[in-house]
Amino acid sequence: MTAITINIPNHEVSFFKKMISKMGWTYTENDVVKTEATPKEQVLAKIDHALGQLRQMKDGELEGINAEELVNEL
């Protein structure tokens, strides 16, 4: 077996974990070295999360709330 080390932006880690899983490859959490995300990476991660939630709503996997309920929660 061969081990490969790659450097990727923090906001892309979940994508690579999914890809690794789909390919049938393995990794351990000990193999994942995390660093502090830059402000840009933090913003991209938040956008990626929001888009993921939108996809889940579109696919019926996540139920949204209307604006009035949102304001009432605040």
PDB file of N, CA and C in Angstrom:
ATOM      1  N   MET A   1       0.847  -1.173   0.000  1.00  0.00           N
ATOM      2  CA  MET A   1       0.000   0.000   0.000  1.00  0.00           C
ATOM      3  C   MET A   1       0.897   1.242   0.000  1.00  0.00           C
ATOM      4  N   THR A   2       0.426   2.287  -0.645  1.00  0.00           N
ATOM      5  CA  THR A   2       1.163   3.542  -0.727  1.00  0.00           C
ATOM      6  C   THR A   2       0.361   4.643  -0.064  1.00  0.00           C
ATOM      7  N   ALA A   3       1.030   5.476   0.706  1.00  0.00           N
ATOM      8  CA  ALA A   3       0.381   6.629   1.342  1.00  0.00           C
ATOM      9  C   ALA A   3       0.747   7.876   0.551  1.00  0.00           C
ATOM     10  N   ILE A   4      -0.238   8.728   0.332  1.00  0.00           N
ATOM     11  CA  ILE A   4      -0.041   9.972  -0.401  1.00  0.00           C
ATOM     12  C   ILE A   4      -0.482  11.129   0.487  1.00  0.00           C
ATOM     13  N   THR A   5       0.329  12.161   0.550  1.00  0.00           N
ATOM     14  CA  THR A   5      -0.021  13.347   1.323  1.00  0.00           C
ATOM     15  C   THR A   5      -0.362  14.474   0.367  1.00  0.00           C
ATOM     16  N   ILE A   6      -1.520  15.127   0.593  1.00  0.00           N
ATOM     17  CA  ILE A   6      -1.917  16.261  -0.233  1.00  0.00           C
ATOM     18  C   ILE A   6      -2.278  17.425   0.678  1.00  0.00           C
ATOM     19  N   ASN A   7      -2.047  18.618   0.206  1.00  0.00           N
ATOM     20  CA  ASN A   7      -2.433  19.827   0.920  1.00  0.00           C
ATOM     21  C   ASN A   7      -3.632  20.427   0.202  1.00  0.00           C
ATOM     22  N   ILE A   8      -4.728  20.572   0.928  1.00  0.00           N
ATOM     23  CA  ILE A   8      -5.937  21.127   0.346  1.00  0.00           C
ATOM     24  C   ILE A   8      -6.491  22.196   1.279  1.00  0.00           C
ATOM     25  N   PRO A   9      -7.275  23.135   0.738  1.00  0.00           N
ATOM     26  CA  PRO A   9      -7.890  24.142   1.600  1.00  0.00           C
ATOM     27  C   PRO A   9      -8.836  23.476   2.597  1.00  0.00           C
ATOM     28  N   ASN A  10      -8.903  24.042   3.793  1.00  0.00           N
ATOM     29  CA  ASN A  10      -9.746  23.463   4.847  1.00  0.00           C
ATOM     30  C   ASN A  10     -11.197  23.297   4.403  1.00  0.00           C
ATOM     31  N   HIS A  11     -11.705  24.241   3.604  1.00  0.00           N
ATOM     32  CA  HIS A  11     -13.109  24.157   3.211  1.00  0.00           C
ATOM     33  C   HIS A  11     -13.375  23.028   2.214  1.00  0.00           C
ATOM     34  N   GLU A  12     -12.329  22.389   1.688  1.00  0.00           N
ATOM     35  CA  GLU A  12     -12.493  21.296   0.730  1.00  0.00           C
ATOM     36  C   GLU A  12     -12.324  19.921   1.367  1.00  0.00           C
ATOM     37  N   VAL A  13     -12.014  19.860   2.657  1.00  0.00           N
ATOM     38  CA  VAL A  13     -11.749  18.579   3.311  1.00  0.00           C
ATOM     39  C   VAL A  13     -12.937  17.637   3.201  1.00  0.00           C
ATOM     40  N   SER A  14     -14.147  18.136   3.444  1.00  0.00           N
ATOM     41  CA  SER A  14     -15.314  17.249   3.394  1.00  0.00           C
ATOM     42  C   SER A  14     -15.501  16.665   1.995  1.00  0.00           C
ATOM     43  N   PHE A  15     -15.238  17.458   0.952  1.00  0.00           N
ATOM     44  CA  PHE A  15     -15.339  16.955  -0.413  1.00  0.00           C
ATOM     45  C   PHE A  15     -14.375  15.794  -0.630  1.00  0.00           C
ATOM     46  N   PHE A  16     -13.122  15.958  -0.181  1.00  0.00           N
ATOM     47  CA  PHE A  16     -12.133  14.915  -0.386  1.00  0.00           C
ATOM     48  C   PHE A  16     -12.457  13.672   0.432  1.00  0.00           C
ATOM     49  N   LYS A  17     -13.004  13.843   1.639  1.00  0.00           N
ATOM     50  CA  LYS A  17     -13.401  12.680   2.435  1.00  0.00           C
ATOM     51  C   LYS A  17     -14.480  11.885   1.714  1.00  0.00           C
ATOM     52  N   LYS A  18     -15.459  12.588   1.128  1.00  0.00           N
ATOM     53  CA  LYS A  18     -16.515  11.909   0.379  1.00  0.00           C
ATOM     54  C   LYS A  18     -15.939  11.188  -0.839  1.00  0.00           C
ATOM     55  N   MET A  19     -15.033  11.864  -1.547  1.00  0.00           N
ATOM     56  CA  MET A  19     -14.431  11.270  -2.734  1.00  0.00           C
ATOM     57  C   MET A  19     -13.635  10.017  -2.362  1.00  0.00           C
ATOM     58  N   ILE A  20     -12.866  10.103  -1.291  1.00  0.00           N
ATOM     59  CA  ILE A  20     -12.076   8.959  -0.844  1.00  0.00           C
ATOM     60  C   ILE A  20     -12.989   7.788  -0.521  1.00  0.00           C
ATOM     61  N   SER A  21     -14.081   8.067   0.161  1.00  0.00           N
ATOM     62  CA  SER A  21     -15.035   7.021   0.522  1.00  0.00           C
ATOM     63  C   SER A  21     -15.650   6.374  -0.714  1.00  0.00           C
ATOM     64  N   LYS A  22     -16.052   7.188  -1.692  1.00  0.00           N
ATOM     65  CA  LYS A  22     -16.673   6.666  -2.904  1.00  0.00           C
ATOM     66  C   LYS A  22     -15.698   5.831  -3.734  1.00  0.00           C
ATOM     67  N   MET A  23     -14.425   6.155  -3.656  1.00  0.00           N
ATOM     68  CA  MET A  23     -13.428   5.418  -4.423  1.00  0.00           C
ATOM     69  C   MET A  23     -13.042   4.106  -3.729  1.00  0.00           C
ATOM     70  N   GLY A  24     -13.515   3.925  -2.493  1.00  0.00           N
ATOM     71  CA  GLY A  24     -13.171   2.714  -1.767  1.00  0.00           C
ATOM     72  C   GLY A  24     -11.812   2.788  -1.093  1.00  0.00           C
ATOM     73  N   TRP A  25     -11.231   3.970  -1.046  1.00  0.00           N
ATOM     74  CA  TRP A  25      -9.945   4.157  -0.387  1.00  0.00           C
ATOM     75  C   TRP A  25     -10.175   4.354   1.101  1.00  0.00           C
ATOM     76  N   THR A  26      -9.126   4.330   1.878  1.00  0.00           N
ATOM     77  CA  THR A  26      -9.254   4.492   3.314  1.00  0.00           C
ATOM     78  C   THR A  26      -8.336   5.603   3.822  1.00  0.00           C
ATOM     79  N   TYR A  27      -8.703   6.130   4.970  1.00  0.00           N
ATOM     80  CA  TYR A  27      -7.879   7.091   5.684  1.00  0.00           C
ATOM     81  C   TYR A  27      -8.306   7.038   7.139  1.00  0.00           C
ATOM     82  N   THR A  28      -7.490   7.527   8.012  1.00  0.00           N
ATOM     83  CA  THR A  28      -7.878   7.644   9.415  1.00  0.00           C
ATOM     84  C   THR A  28      -7.852   9.117   9.780  1.00  0.00           C
ATOM     85  N   GLU A  29      -8.599   9.458  10.804  1.00  0.00           N
ATOM     86  CA  GLU A  29      -8.608  10.854  11.246  1.00  0.00           C
ATOM     87  C   GLU A  29      -7.208  11.287  11.693  1.00  0.00           C
ATOM     88  N   ASN A  30      -6.390  10.328  12.120  1.00  0.00           N
ATOM     89  CA  ASN A  30      -5.007  10.658  12.493  1.00  0.00           C
ATOM     90  C   ASN A  30      -4.212  11.133  11.284  1.00  0.00           C
ATOM     91  N   ASP A  31      -4.640  10.719  10.082  1.00  0.00           N
ATOM     92  CA  ASP A  31      -3.955  11.137   8.866  1.00  0.00           C
ATOM     93  C   ASP A  31      -4.300  12.572   8.480  1.00  0.00           C
ATOM     94  N   VAL A  32      -5.424  13.087   9.002  1.00  0.00           N
ATOM     95  CA  VAL A  32      -5.888  14.422   8.635  1.00  0.00           C
ATOM     96  C   VAL A  32      -5.252  15.433   9.576  1.00  0.00           C
ATOM     97  N   VAL A  33      -4.400  16.282   9.031  1.00  0.00           N
ATOM     98  CA  VAL A  33      -3.745  17.334   9.809  1.00  0.00           C
ATOM     99  C   VAL A  33      -4.491  18.625   9.536  1.00  0.00           C
ATOM    100  N   LYS A  34      -5.067  19.196  10.586  1.00  0.00           N
ATOM    101  CA  LYS A  34      -5.866  20.399  10.422  1.00  0.00           C
ATOM    102  C   LYS A  34      -5.057  21.636  10.808  1.00  0.00           C
ATOM    103  N   THR A  35      -5.260  22.685  10.063  1.00  0.00           N
ATOM    104  CA  THR A  35      -4.629  23.966  10.376  1.00  0.00           C
ATOM    105  C   THR A  35      -5.725  25.012  10.510  1.00  0.00           C
ATOM    106  N   GLU A  36      -5.376  26.145  11.051  1.00  0.00           N
ATOM    107  CA  GLU A  36      -6.349  27.226  11.165  1.00  0.00           C
ATOM    108  C   GLU A  36      -6.737  27.718   9.778  1.00  0.00           C
ATOM    109  N   ALA A  37      -8.022  27.885   9.592  1.00  0.00           N
ATOM    110  CA  ALA A  37      -8.522  28.368   8.303  1.00  0.00           C
ATOM    111  C   ALA A  37      -8.278  29.865   8.186  1.00  0.00           C
ATOM    112  N   THR A  38      -7.932  30.287   7.000  1.00  0.00           N
ATOM    113  CA  THR A  38      -7.788  31.718   6.746  1.00  0.00           C
ATOM    114  C   THR A  38      -9.184  32.331   6.704  1.00  0.00           C
ATOM    115  N   PRO A  39      -9.287  33.653   6.853  1.00  0.00           N
ATOM    116  CA  PRO A  39     -10.612  34.278   6.762  1.00  0.00           C
ATOM    117  C   PRO A  39     -11.331  33.925   5.460  1.00  0.00           C
ATOM    118  N   LYS A  40     -10.592  33.874   4.357  1.00  0.00           N
ATOM    119  CA  LYS A  40     -11.202  33.517   3.071  1.00  0.00           C
ATOM    120  C   LYS A  40     -11.741  32.093   3.114  1.00  0.00           C
ATOM    121  N   GLU A  41     -10.963  31.168   3.686  1.00  0.00           N
ATOM    122  CA  GLU A  41     -11.411  29.777   3.781  1.00  0.00           C
ATOM    123  C   GLU A  41     -12.632  29.655   4.690  1.00  0.00           C
ATOM    124  N   GLN A  42     -12.694  30.462   5.751  1.00  0.00           N
ATOM    125  CA  GLN A  42     -13.845  30.434   6.644  1.00  0.00           C
ATOM    126  C   GLN A  42     -15.106  30.869   5.904  1.00  0.00           C
ATOM    127  N   VAL A  43     -15.000  31.929   5.106  1.00  0.00           N
ATOM    128  CA  VAL A  43     -16.146  32.411   4.335  1.00  0.00           C
ATOM    129  C   VAL A  43     -16.578  31.360   3.318  1.00  0.00           C
ATOM    130  N   LEU A  44     -15.602  30.773   2.616  1.00  0.00           N
ATOM    131  CA  LEU A  44     -15.930  29.742   1.626  1.00  0.00           C
ATOM    132  C   LEU A  44     -16.585  28.525   2.284  1.00  0.00           C
ATOM    133  N   ALA A  45     -16.138  28.160   3.481  1.00  0.00           N
ATOM    134  CA  ALA A  45     -16.733  27.027   4.189  1.00  0.00           C
ATOM    135  C   ALA A  45     -18.186  27.329   4.557  1.00  0.00           C
ATOM    136  N   LYS A  46     -18.454  28.563   4.978  1.00  0.00           N
ATOM    137  CA  LYS A  46     -19.825  28.945   5.330  1.00  0.00           C
ATOM    138  C   LYS A  46     -20.728  28.942   4.097  1.00  0.00           C
ATOM    139  N   ILE A  47     -20.204  29.424   2.983  1.00  0.00           N
ATOM    140  CA  ILE A  47     -20.968  29.420   1.734  1.00  0.00           C
ATOM    141  C   ILE A  47     -21.231  27.979   1.301  1.00  0.00           C
ATOM    142  N   ASP A  48     -20.210  27.124   1.392  1.00  0.00           N
ATOM    143  CA  ASP A  48     -20.354  25.718   1.029  1.00  0.00           C
ATOM    144  C   ASP A  48     -21.413  25.046   1.909  1.00  0.00           C
ATOM    145  N   HIS A  49     -21.402  25.351   3.188  1.00  0.00           N
ATOM    146  CA  HIS A  49     -22.396  24.796   4.112  1.00  0.00           C
ATOM    147  C   HIS A  49     -23.797  25.254   3.730  1.00  0.00           C
ATOM    148  N   ALA A  50     -23.952  26.545   3.448  1.00  0.00           N
ATOM    149  CA  ALA A  50     -25.265  27.087   3.074  1.00  0.00           C
ATOM    150  C   ALA A  50     -25.765  26.447   1.778  1.00  0.00           C
ATOM    151  N   LEU A  51     -24.886  26.302   0.796  1.00  0.00           N
ATOM    152  CA  LEU A  51     -25.287  25.671  -0.462  1.00  0.00           C
ATOM    153  C   LEU A  51     -25.661  24.206  -0.250  1.00  0.00           C
ATOM    154  N   GLY A  52     -24.959  23.540   0.647  1.00  0.00           N
ATOM    155  CA  GLY A  52     -25.296  22.161   0.971  1.00  0.00           C
ATOM    156  C   GLY A  52     -26.688  22.055   1.580  1.00  0.00           C
ATOM    157  N   GLN A  53     -27.017  23.016   2.456  1.00  0.00           N
ATOM    158  CA  GLN A  53     -28.355  23.027   3.041  1.00  0.00           C
ATOM    159  C   GLN A  53     -29.417  23.299   1.976  1.00  0.00           C
ATOM    160  N   LEU A  54     -29.123  24.180   1.045  1.00  0.00           N
ATOM    161  CA  LEU A  54     -30.069  24.448  -0.040  1.00  0.00           C
ATOM    162  C   LEU A  54     -30.303  23.193  -0.882  1.00  0.00           C
ATOM    163  N   ARG A  55     -29.220  22.455  -1.172  1.00  0.00           N
ATOM    164  CA  ARG A  55     -29.361  21.208  -1.926  1.00  0.00           C
ATOM    165  C   ARG A  55     -30.228  20.208  -1.160  1.00  0.00           C
ATOM    166  N   GLN A  56     -30.010  20.130   0.158  1.00  0.00           N
ATOM    167  CA  GLN A  56     -30.808  19.210   0.969  1.00  0.00           C
ATOM    168  C   GLN A  56     -32.278  19.618   0.957  1.00  0.00           C
ATOM    169  N   MET A  57     -32.561  20.917   1.008  1.00  0.00           N
ATOM    170  CA  MET A  57     -33.947  21.384   0.953  1.00  0.00           C
ATOM    171  C   MET A  57     -34.565  21.041  -0.395  1.00  0.00           C
ATOM    172  N   LYS A  58     -33.797  21.257  -1.465  1.00  0.00           N
ATOM    173  CA  LYS A  58     -34.287  20.955  -2.809  1.00  0.00           C
ATOM    174  C   LYS A  58     -34.615  19.473  -2.952  1.00  0.00           C
ATOM    175  N   ASP A  59     -33.780  18.619  -2.341  1.00  0.00           N
ATOM    176  CA  ASP A  59     -33.969  17.171  -2.426  1.00  0.00           C
ATOM    177  C   ASP A  59     -34.970  16.642  -1.402  1.00  0.00           C
ATOM    178  N   GLY A  60     -35.522  17.543  -0.588  1.00  0.00           N
ATOM    179  CA  GLY A  60     -36.509  17.140   0.409  1.00  0.00           C
ATOM    180  C   GLY A  60     -35.914  16.488   1.645  1.00  0.00           C
ATOM    181  N   GLU A  61     -34.599  16.604   1.824  1.00  0.00           N
ATOM    182  CA  GLU A  61     -33.932  15.994   2.968  1.00  0.00           C
ATOM    183  C   GLU A  61     -33.910  16.931   4.176  1.00  0.00           C
ATOM    184  N   LEU A  62     -34.190  18.199   3.953  1.00  0.00           N
ATOM    185  CA  LEU A  62     -34.145  19.199   5.008  1.00  0.00           C
ATOM    186  C   LEU A  62     -35.317  20.136   4.809  1.00  0.00           C
ATOM    187  N   GLU A  63     -36.008  20.422   5.894  1.00  0.00           N
ATOM    188  CA  GLU A  63     -37.169  21.298   5.795  1.00  0.00           C
ATOM    189  C   GLU A  63     -36.760  22.722   6.164  1.00  0.00           C
ATOM    190  N   GLY A  64     -37.116  23.664   5.334  1.00  0.00           N
ATOM    191  CA  GLY A  64     -36.813  25.068   5.595  1.00  0.00           C
ATOM    192  C   GLY A  64     -37.874  25.702   6.475  1.00  0.00           C
ATOM    193  N   ILE A  65     -37.600  26.918   6.899  1.00  0.00           N
ATOM    194  CA  ILE A  65     -38.594  27.679   7.655  1.00  0.00           C
ATOM    195  C   ILE A  65     -38.843  28.986   6.920  1.00  0.00           C
ATOM    196  N   ASN A  66     -40.037  29.555   7.120  1.00  0.00           N
ATOM    197  CA  ASN A  66     -40.315  30.799   6.432  1.00  0.00           C
ATOM    198  C   ASN A  66     -39.674  31.972   7.173  1.00  0.00           C
ATOM    199  N   ALA A  67     -39.613  33.107   6.530  1.00  0.00           N
ATOM    200  CA  ALA A  67     -38.919  34.277   7.064  1.00  0.00           C
ATOM    201  C   ALA A  67     -39.501  34.735   8.390  1.00  0.00           C
ATOM    202  N   GLU A  68     -40.819  34.665   8.539  1.00  0.00           N
ATOM    203  CA  GLU A  68     -41.455  35.112   9.787  1.00  0.00           C
ATOM    204  C   GLU A  68     -40.990  34.258  10.972  1.00  0.00           C
ATOM    205  N   GLU A  69     -40.928  32.952  10.776  1.00  0.00           N
ATOM    206  CA  GLU A  69     -40.442  32.067  11.825  1.00  0.00           C
ATOM    207  C   GLU A  69     -38.991  32.374  12.164  1.00  0.00           C
ATOM    208  N   LEU A  70     -38.191  32.650  11.144  1.00  0.00           N
ATOM    209  CA  LEU A  70     -36.794  32.986  11.345  1.00  0.00           C
ATOM    210  C   LEU A  70     -36.642  34.239  12.190  1.00  0.00           C
ATOM    211  N   VAL A  71     -37.412  35.277  11.874  1.00  0.00           N
ATOM    212  CA  VAL A  71     -37.348  36.527  12.625  1.00  0.00           C
ATOM    213  C   VAL A  71     -37.798  36.294  14.073  1.00  0.00           C
ATOM    214  N   ASN A  72     -38.831  35.477  14.265  1.00  0.00           N
ATOM    215  CA  ASN A  72     -39.306  35.179  15.613  1.00  0.00           C
ATOM    216  C   ASN A  72     -38.256  34.438  16.444  1.00  0.00           C
ATOM    217  N   GLU A  73     -37.450  33.606  15.790  1.00  0.00           N
ATOM    218  CA  GLU A  73     -36.390  32.902  16.497  1.00  0.00           C
ATOM    219  C   GLU A  73     -35.298  33.858  16.966  1.00  0.00           C
ATOM    220  N   LEU A  74     -35.082  34.928  16.201  1.00  0.00           N
ATOM    221  CA  LEU A  74     -34.050  35.894  16.570  1.00  0.00           C
ATOM    222  C   LEU A  74     -34.515  36.710  17.738  1.00  0.00           C
TER     223      LEU A  74
END
